[in-house]
Structures are given as C-alpha cells and as structure tokens.
C-alpha cells in the first residue's frame, strides 16, 4: 500500500513537471498570437493596414512591370495605358475585397462606397467641387499676376481624348487608389485613432506607396528615382489630404473618386497652356503653375475644413469610429453609425 502511495506521488510529480513547461509554452504561443491577432481573433490593425497598402503596391508594381515589358514590343501608348489600368484595378481591388471580407470580416459597405446609382450624385459633387476650387485658383492666380487666361475653347478632339483618358484614369488611378487609401486604409485606422490622426496616417501610407513602387522598379533595373521630387511629395500630401476630407465630409467615397478623376483631367487637358485646352492659360510665373495644380487643392482643403466645423452637423474630429461585425446587436449598431458630431 505504501509503495502504491509512493508510486502515485511519483506519477503526480512527473505529471506536475510535465505540465509546467506546457503552460509556459502556452503563454509564449499566446504572446505570439497577440502580436498578430486582436481579442476578436482578427488580424491586428497594423497588419491589416499593411496588407491593404501592399495590395495596391503589388497591383501597381505588377502593372508597371507588365507595361514596361509590353513596351519593348512596340505596343502603342494607348494600349500600354489600357494595360496599366486593367492590371492595377484587377489586382488591387479584388485583393482589397478579399481583405475586407476574410481578414477584416466586415461588410464592403463599411468603406463608404455606395452603389453607383446612389453614389452618382456624390461623384458629380466631387467634380463640381473641383471646378469650384479651380475657378478660385484661376482668379487668385490672375489677380496675383502669376498667370493669364488666354482664351476659352471647346475642341471636339480634346473632348474625345478626355473621354478615353478619363476611363483609363478611373481604373488606373482614381478608383483603386480611393478604394485602398481613403477607403480601406483610413477605415481601419479610424477604428483605433481619432479622425484627424487617421487622416494624417492615411496620407503617410499614400505617400509611401509610389516611393515603394519606384524603389522596386529601381531594384529590378527598370526605373529611376527622378520622379520622386520634393514637389511630387508635397503634391501627394495635399492631394491625399483633400481626398480624405472629401470622404469624411460627404461620408461617401464617390465624392473622392469624382474629385480625383476631375483633377487629373483638369491638369492634363482642361486648364493648360495649349490651344487644345478648354481654358488656355499662360503662366507668367512658376507660381502660376503651382497655383493651378497645388493651390487649387489647398483651397479645397481650407473650404472642406471650414465646412466640417460649421452647423449642427459639424464633424467630431476626435471621434474613433468602431467597425462592428454585421451580426452586432441593433442598439450597438445604431450607436456605431458614422456620426459627424461627437
């Protein structure tokens, strides 16, 4: 009997010694898990944002590589532009959709992209807002003596070019960039950070994207750093800011897309020093060019900030917007709906 007791104690001791390292290993595994997953079991915010950023960088990088290779076969410029647009959107947008559904585990509608019929008015609002700030930039530039409006034209050939280029620019730049940065990246950031800080961090990721793509192109021997200039970085900062403000103020991503697309066409075909432009201008100073391209965007930033701080629907810039699962309780969902006031 005593032997049995001793044996039992021995077995108990062996089991105890066996359990202790198992608990330690479990804590270690738990620590590693917490570095990648949140309490709800989803991938942590940092990794979700990085994966969203990489989705766009991968799509754009692949598009540039394919277009560069295709260019060696003497494919026309229009064909290369179409190729860039198709590859960028067909890679980055589906990746963002998969991340939103399976990694975020949240509905696509949470990004602020409504259906095209309901979002069309916001799309037009973005275009109209760009027209307003461009007119203001032209008036200020003319009054300051930086530029001169030469003539107004209605060239049919330019209208046709704009229709073609707008379609390409939509799928190459406006749509995938807004879905990624002002949609996915910002939405995730705003679940942890207040609106103002989420906006700033979104701009940082937006600026880093072309730098990363250029770095990749340089690394594989098909690119240079010539395009990454101080002027280009400043342009990205103000552009990313006004586009995010469009999304926040309107609560709809289509306004950002409309503004983005209209700005691209404006600086390329609408307001340029050419007889083929709708508004032919002459730059009397380098500041005239800056006033049209960057100044118009800065005017937009000022107007949107002022608008966000007025009236009963003023935006609470300190608000952190929860991103709750679709099966949340109704009363919780109501409390989590996007709100402009605190």
Protein backbone atom coordinates (compact mmCIF):
# COMPACT_ATOMS: atom_id res chain seq x y z
CA UNK A 1 0.00 0.00 0.00
CA UNK A 2 2.81 2.37 0.91
CA UNK A 3 4.55 1.54 -2.35
CA UNK A 4 1.38 2.42 -4.22
CA UNK A 5 1.22 5.76 -2.42
CA UNK A 6 4.85 6.49 -3.25
CA UNK A 7 4.30 5.48 -6.83
CA UNK A 8 1.23 7.66 -7.03
CA UNK A 9 3.21 10.60 -5.71
CA UNK A 10 5.95 9.88 -8.20
CA UNK A 11 3.47 9.83 -11.04
CA UNK A 12 1.92 13.07 -9.73
CA UNK A 13 5.36 14.69 -9.57
CA UNK A 14 6.16 13.59 -13.12
CA UNK A 15 2.85 14.97 -14.33
CA UNK A 16 3.44 18.23 -12.49
CA UNK A 17 6.86 18.61 -14.05
CA UNK A 18 5.30 17.85 -17.41
CA UNK A 19 2.52 20.43 -17.01
CA UNK A 20 4.77 23.37 -16.04
CA UNK A 21 6.64 23.71 -19.36
CA UNK A 22 3.41 23.17 -21.24
CA UNK A 23 1.86 26.22 -19.53
CA UNK A 24 4.98 28.24 -20.27
CA UNK A 25 4.85 27.26 -23.90
CA UNK A 26 1.18 28.12 -23.97
CA UNK A 27 1.90 31.62 -22.66
CA UNK A 28 4.62 32.05 -25.25
CA UNK A 29 2.27 30.98 -28.02
CA UNK A 30 -0.38 33.32 -26.62
CA UNK A 31 2.11 36.19 -26.71
CA UNK A 32 2.96 35.48 -30.34
CA UNK A 33 -0.72 35.21 -31.16
CA UNK A 34 -1.44 38.60 -29.57
CA UNK A 35 1.24 40.16 -31.77
CA UNK A 36 -0.74 39.16 -34.85
CA UNK A 37 -4.36 38.91 -33.68
CA UNK A 38 -6.69 41.10 -31.67
CA UNK A 39 -9.07 39.97 -28.94
CA UNK A 40 -11.75 39.21 -31.51
CA UNK A 41 -9.47 36.78 -33.33
CA UNK A 42 -8.92 39.08 -36.32
CA UNK A 43 -5.53 40.06 -37.65
CA UNK A 44 -4.21 43.07 -35.75
CA UNK A 45 -4.82 46.59 -37.09
CA UNK A 46 -1.19 47.14 -38.07
CA UNK A 47 -1.10 44.05 -40.26
CA UNK A 48 -4.49 44.78 -41.82
CA UNK A 49 -3.35 48.26 -42.84
CA UNK A 50 -0.02 47.00 -44.15
CA UNK A 51 -1.72 44.27 -46.20
CA UNK A 52 -4.13 46.81 -47.67
CA UNK A 53 -1.22 49.06 -48.56
CA UNK A 54 0.65 46.13 -50.10
CA UNK A 55 -2.40 45.19 -52.17
CA UNK A 56 -2.18 48.48 -54.04
CA UNK A 57 1.62 48.50 -54.23
CA UNK A 58 1.57 44.96 -55.67
CA UNK A 59 -1.10 45.83 -58.22
CA UNK A 60 0.66 48.99 -59.41
CA UNK A 61 4.11 47.35 -59.44
CA UNK A 62 2.86 44.41 -61.48
CA UNK A 63 1.10 46.78 -63.89
CA UNK A 64 4.26 48.84 -64.43
CA UNK A 65 6.41 45.73 -64.98
CA UNK A 66 3.96 44.25 -67.49
CA UNK A 67 3.60 47.58 -69.32
CA UNK A 68 7.39 48.00 -69.42
CA UNK A 69 7.83 44.56 -70.95
CA UNK A 70 4.96 45.16 -73.37
CA UNK A 71 6.54 48.47 -74.40
CA UNK A 72 9.56 46.60 -75.74
CA UNK A 73 7.24 45.00 -78.31
CA UNK A 74 6.31 48.44 -79.69
CA UNK A 75 2.75 48.38 -78.38
CA UNK A 76 1.09 51.80 -78.87
CA UNK A 77 0.93 54.21 -75.94
CA UNK A 78 -2.85 53.89 -75.68
CA UNK A 79 -2.51 50.12 -75.44
CA UNK A 80 0.05 50.46 -72.65
CA UNK A 81 -2.21 52.86 -70.76
CA UNK A 82 -5.13 50.45 -71.03
CA UNK A 83 -2.87 47.65 -69.83
CA UNK A 84 -1.79 49.69 -66.80
CA UNK A 85 -5.40 50.43 -65.90
CA UNK A 86 -6.65 46.88 -66.31
CA UNK A 87 -3.83 45.25 -64.32
CA UNK A 88 -3.84 47.81 -61.48
CA UNK A 89 -7.57 47.56 -60.80
CA UNK A 90 -7.90 43.82 -61.49
CA UNK A 91 -5.17 43.05 -58.93
CA UNK A 92 -5.52 45.66 -56.18
CA UNK A 93 -9.32 45.97 -55.92
CA UNK A 94 -10.05 42.21 -55.63
CA UNK A 95 -7.27 41.94 -53.02
CA UNK A 96 -8.86 44.75 -51.01
CA UNK A 97 -12.23 42.99 -51.29
CA UNK A 98 -10.74 39.73 -50.01
CA UNK A 99 -9.02 41.53 -47.14
CA UNK A 100 -12.23 43.29 -46.19
CA UNK A 101 -14.28 40.09 -46.25
CA UNK A 102 -11.91 37.49 -44.82
CA UNK A 103 -9.35 39.48 -42.80
CA UNK A 104 -11.43 42.41 -41.56
CA UNK A 105 -14.54 40.19 -41.52
CA UNK A 106 -16.62 43.29 -42.14
CA UNK A 107 -19.03 44.32 -44.93
CA UNK A 108 -17.72 46.06 -48.05
CA UNK A 109 -20.20 48.89 -47.49
CA UNK A 110 -18.20 49.95 -44.43
CA UNK A 111 -15.60 51.51 -46.74
CA UNK A 112 -18.11 54.19 -47.75
CA UNK A 113 -18.52 53.03 -51.35
CA UNK A 114 -22.24 53.01 -52.07
CA UNK A 115 -23.78 51.52 -55.20
CA UNK A 116 -23.10 53.50 -58.42
CA UNK A 117 -26.71 54.76 -58.75
CA UNK A 118 -26.80 56.16 -55.21
CA UNK A 119 -23.20 57.32 -55.37
CA UNK A 120 -23.51 59.14 -58.70
CA UNK A 121 -24.58 62.43 -57.10
CA UNK A 122 -21.53 62.32 -54.83
CA UNK A 123 -19.37 61.61 -57.87
CA UNK A 124 -20.80 64.73 -59.54
CA UNK A 125 -20.33 66.63 -56.28
CA UNK A 126 -16.62 65.80 -56.36
CA UNK A 127 -16.35 67.02 -59.96
CA UNK A 128 -18.30 70.18 -59.16
CA UNK A 129 -16.17 70.89 -56.11
CA UNK A 130 -13.01 70.57 -58.22
CA UNK A 131 -14.48 73.01 -60.74
CA UNK A 132 -15.15 75.48 -57.90
CA UNK A 133 -11.65 75.38 -56.43
CA UNK A 134 -10.08 75.53 -59.91
CA UNK A 135 -12.05 78.68 -60.68
CA UNK A 136 -10.91 80.16 -57.37
CA UNK A 137 -7.28 79.26 -58.15
CA UNK A 138 -7.51 80.90 -61.58
CA UNK A 139 -8.98 84.08 -60.09
CA UNK A 140 -6.30 84.28 -57.38
CA UNK A 141 -3.51 83.47 -59.84
CA UNK A 142 -4.73 86.11 -62.29
CA UNK A 143 -5.11 88.73 -59.56
CA UNK A 144 -1.59 87.99 -58.31
CA UNK A 145 -0.15 88.28 -61.81
CA UNK A 146 1.07 84.68 -61.85
CA UNK A 147 -0.99 83.57 -64.85
CA UNK A 148 -3.19 84.89 -67.61
CA UNK A 149 -6.30 83.34 -69.12
CA UNK A 150 -5.71 83.48 -72.87
CA UNK A 151 -8.91 82.03 -74.31
CA UNK A 152 -11.76 79.57 -73.88
CA UNK A 153 -12.11 76.73 -76.36
CA UNK A 154 -14.44 73.80 -76.99
CA UNK A 155 -12.24 71.46 -79.03
CA UNK A 156 -14.04 68.30 -80.11
CA UNK A 157 -10.77 66.39 -80.40
CA UNK A 158 -9.89 67.21 -76.77
CA UNK A 159 -13.34 66.15 -75.61
CA UNK A 160 -12.80 62.76 -77.25
CA UNK A 161 -9.35 62.43 -75.68
CA UNK A 162 -10.78 63.27 -72.26
CA UNK A 163 -13.48 60.62 -72.58
CA UNK A 164 -10.88 57.98 -73.38
CA UNK A 165 -8.34 59.15 -70.82
CA UNK A 166 -10.95 59.54 -68.08
CA UNK A 167 -11.89 55.88 -68.45
CA UNK A 168 -8.24 54.85 -68.24
CA UNK A 169 -7.50 57.20 -65.33
CA UNK A 170 -10.54 55.90 -63.47
CA UNK A 171 -9.27 52.32 -63.40
CA UNK A 172 -5.55 53.13 -63.25
CA UNK A 173 -5.58 55.84 -60.58
CA UNK A 174 -8.84 57.18 -59.16
CA UNK A 175 -10.79 54.00 -58.37
CA UNK A 176 -8.06 51.69 -56.98
CA UNK A 177 -6.37 54.49 -55.01
CA UNK A 178 -9.58 55.69 -53.38
CA UNK A 179 -10.72 52.15 -52.54
CA UNK A 180 -7.33 51.42 -50.97
CA UNK A 181 -6.33 54.59 -49.15
CA UNK A 182 -9.41 56.72 -48.48
CA UNK A 183 -11.48 53.56 -48.12
CA UNK A 184 -9.72 50.53 -46.66
CA UNK A 185 -6.64 52.07 -45.02
CA UNK A 186 -8.50 55.02 -43.47
CA UNK A 187 -11.44 52.90 -42.31
CA UNK A 188 -9.15 50.57 -40.40
CA UNK A 189 -7.09 53.40 -38.94
CA UNK A 190 -10.20 55.21 -37.72
CA UNK A 191 -11.19 52.19 -35.62
CA UNK A 192 -8.17 52.88 -33.38
CA UNK A 193 -7.30 56.55 -33.92
CA UNK A 194 -9.37 59.76 -33.98
CA UNK A 195 -10.39 61.07 -37.39
CA UNK A 196 -7.70 63.76 -37.59
CA UNK A 197 -4.89 61.32 -36.81
CA UNK A 198 -6.31 58.60 -39.09
CA UNK A 199 -6.30 61.18 -41.89
CA UNK A 200 -2.65 62.05 -41.31
CA UNK A 201 -1.59 58.40 -41.13
CA UNK A 202 -3.51 57.65 -44.32
CA UNK A 203 -1.55 60.40 -46.08
CA UNK A 204 1.71 58.83 -44.87
CA UNK A 205 0.76 55.47 -46.39
CA UNK A 206 -0.38 57.23 -49.58
CA UNK A 207 2.99 58.97 -49.97
CA UNK A 208 4.94 55.78 -49.24
CA UNK A 209 3.16 53.80 -51.98
CA UNK A 210 4.78 55.40 -55.07
CA UNK A 211 8.11 55.54 -53.24
CA UNK A 212 7.90 51.78 -52.64
CA UNK A 213 6.89 51.11 -56.25
CA UNK A 214 9.74 53.28 -57.54
CA UNK A 215 12.18 51.54 -55.21
CA UNK A 216 11.06 48.18 -56.57
CA UNK A 217 11.46 49.39 -60.15
CA UNK A 218 14.95 50.65 -59.40
CA UNK A 219 15.87 47.38 -57.68
CA UNK A 220 14.94 45.30 -60.73
CA UNK A 221 16.65 47.74 -63.10
CA UNK A 222 13.71 49.30 -64.95
CA UNK A 223 13.25 52.57 -63.07
CA UNK A 224 14.95 55.66 -61.63
CA UNK A 225 14.36 57.98 -58.69
CA UNK A 226 13.93 61.03 -60.94
CA UNK A 227 10.16 61.28 -60.36
CA UNK A 228 10.42 61.31 -56.55
CA UNK A 229 10.99 65.03 -56.01
CA UNK A 230 10.07 67.41 -53.20
CA UNK A 231 7.37 68.94 -55.41
CA UNK A 232 5.92 65.49 -56.09
CA UNK A 233 5.86 64.61 -52.37
CA UNK A 234 4.16 67.91 -51.49
CA UNK A 235 1.61 67.27 -54.23
CA UNK A 236 0.88 63.81 -52.79
CA UNK A 237 0.47 65.21 -49.27
CA UNK A 238 -2.05 67.91 -50.17
CA UNK A 239 -3.84 65.65 -52.67
CA UNK A 240 -4.18 62.79 -50.19
CA UNK A 241 -5.47 65.25 -47.60
CA UNK A 242 -8.19 66.83 -49.75
CA UNK A 243 -9.36 63.43 -50.99
CA UNK A 244 -9.71 62.11 -47.46
CA UNK A 245 -11.58 65.26 -46.45
CA UNK A 246 -13.99 64.66 -49.34
CA UNK A 247 -14.63 61.16 -47.99
CA UNK A 248 -15.12 62.35 -44.40
CA UNK A 249 -17.30 65.38 -45.13
CA UNK A 250 -19.58 63.60 -47.62
CA UNK A 251 -19.40 60.19 -45.88
CA UNK A 252 -19.21 58.70 -49.37
CA UNK A 253 -16.15 57.52 -51.30
CA UNK A 254 -17.66 58.53 -54.64
CA UNK A 255 -17.01 62.21 -53.93
CA UNK A 256 -13.31 61.42 -53.52
CA UNK A 257 -13.32 59.44 -56.76
CA UNK A 258 -15.08 62.26 -58.63
CA UNK A 259 -12.67 64.91 -57.33
CA UNK A 260 -9.65 62.68 -58.03
CA UNK A 261 -10.67 61.95 -61.61
CA UNK A 262 -11.66 65.56 -62.36
CA UNK A 263 -8.33 66.88 -61.02
CA UNK A 264 -6.39 64.51 -63.27
CA UNK A 265 -8.28 65.64 -66.35
CA UNK A 266 -8.08 69.30 -65.32
CA UNK A 267 -4.27 69.40 -65.06
CA UNK A 268 -3.86 67.37 -68.25
CA UNK A 269 -6.42 68.79 -70.67
CA UNK A 270 -8.79 71.39 -69.23
CA UNK A 271 -6.59 74.16 -67.78
CA UNK A 272 -3.23 74.06 -69.55
CA UNK A 273 -1.12 76.40 -71.70
CA UNK A 274 -2.32 74.94 -75.02
CA UNK A 275 -4.80 75.86 -77.73
CA UNK A 276 -6.26 72.37 -77.34
CA UNK A 277 -7.30 73.10 -73.74
CA UNK A 278 -10.78 74.16 -72.68
CA UNK A 279 -9.22 77.04 -70.75
CA UNK A 280 -5.99 78.14 -72.39
CA UNK A 281 -3.69 79.87 -69.92
CA UNK A 282 -0.27 81.42 -69.94
CA UNK A 283 2.00 81.09 -66.93
CA UNK A 284 3.66 84.42 -66.11
CA UNK A 285 5.47 82.91 -63.13
CA UNK A 286 6.29 79.48 -61.80
CA UNK A 287 3.78 80.27 -59.08
CA UNK A 288 1.07 80.22 -61.71
CA UNK A 289 1.64 76.52 -62.32
CA UNK A 290 1.73 75.82 -58.58
CA UNK A 291 -1.49 77.81 -58.13
CA UNK A 292 -3.38 75.63 -60.60
CA UNK A 293 -2.01 72.22 -59.61
CA UNK A 294 -1.38 72.56 -55.86
CA UNK A 295 -3.06 75.83 -54.96
CA UNK A 296 -6.46 74.61 -56.12
CA UNK A 297 -6.11 71.58 -53.85
CA UNK A 298 -5.08 73.71 -50.87
CA UNK A 299 -8.14 75.92 -51.44
CA UNK A 300 -10.21 72.73 -51.39
CA UNK A 301 -8.64 71.68 -48.08
CA UNK A 302 -9.44 75.04 -46.50
CA UNK A 303 -13.04 75.02 -47.70
CA UNK A 304 -13.67 71.45 -46.54
CA UNK A 305 -12.18 72.07 -43.09
CA UNK A 306 -14.27 75.21 -42.65
CA UNK A 307 -17.36 73.34 -43.82
CA UNK A 308 -16.67 70.48 -41.40
CA UNK A 309 -16.60 72.87 -38.43
CA UNK A 310 -19.85 74.69 -39.06
CA UNK A 311 -23.52 73.94 -38.46
CA UNK A 312 -25.29 71.33 -36.41
CA UNK A 313 -23.75 68.52 -38.45
CA UNK A 314 -20.19 69.60 -37.71
CA UNK A 315 -17.68 66.77 -37.74
CA UNK A 316 -16.21 65.49 -34.49
CA UNK A 317 -12.54 65.20 -35.43
CA UNK A 318 -11.74 63.35 -32.22
CA UNK A 319 -14.23 60.57 -32.92
CA UNK A 320 -12.98 56.99 -33.18
CA UNK A 321 -15.35 55.09 -35.44
CA UNK A 322 -15.94 51.45 -34.42
CA UNK A 323 -16.16 48.87 -37.20
CA UNK A 324 -18.58 46.35 -35.75
CA UNK A 325 -19.45 42.98 -37.31
CA UNK A 326 -22.76 42.77 -39.20
CA UNK A 327 -24.28 40.46 -36.57
CA UNK A 328 -23.92 43.04 -33.77
CA UNK A 329 -26.93 43.88 -31.64
CA UNK A 330 -29.22 46.52 -33.19
CA UNK A 331 -28.74 49.03 -30.37
CA UNK A 332 -24.97 48.67 -30.69
CA UNK A 333 -25.09 49.12 -34.43
CA UNK A 334 -27.09 52.32 -34.12
CA UNK A 335 -24.52 53.75 -31.74
CA UNK A 336 -21.76 52.85 -34.17
CA UNK A 337 -23.23 54.53 -37.24
CA UNK A 338 -20.97 57.21 -38.76
CA UNK A 339 -21.63 60.48 -36.98
CA UNK A 340 -20.45 63.98 -37.76
CA UNK A 341 -20.96 65.19 -34.25
CA UNK A 342 -19.50 63.85 -31.05
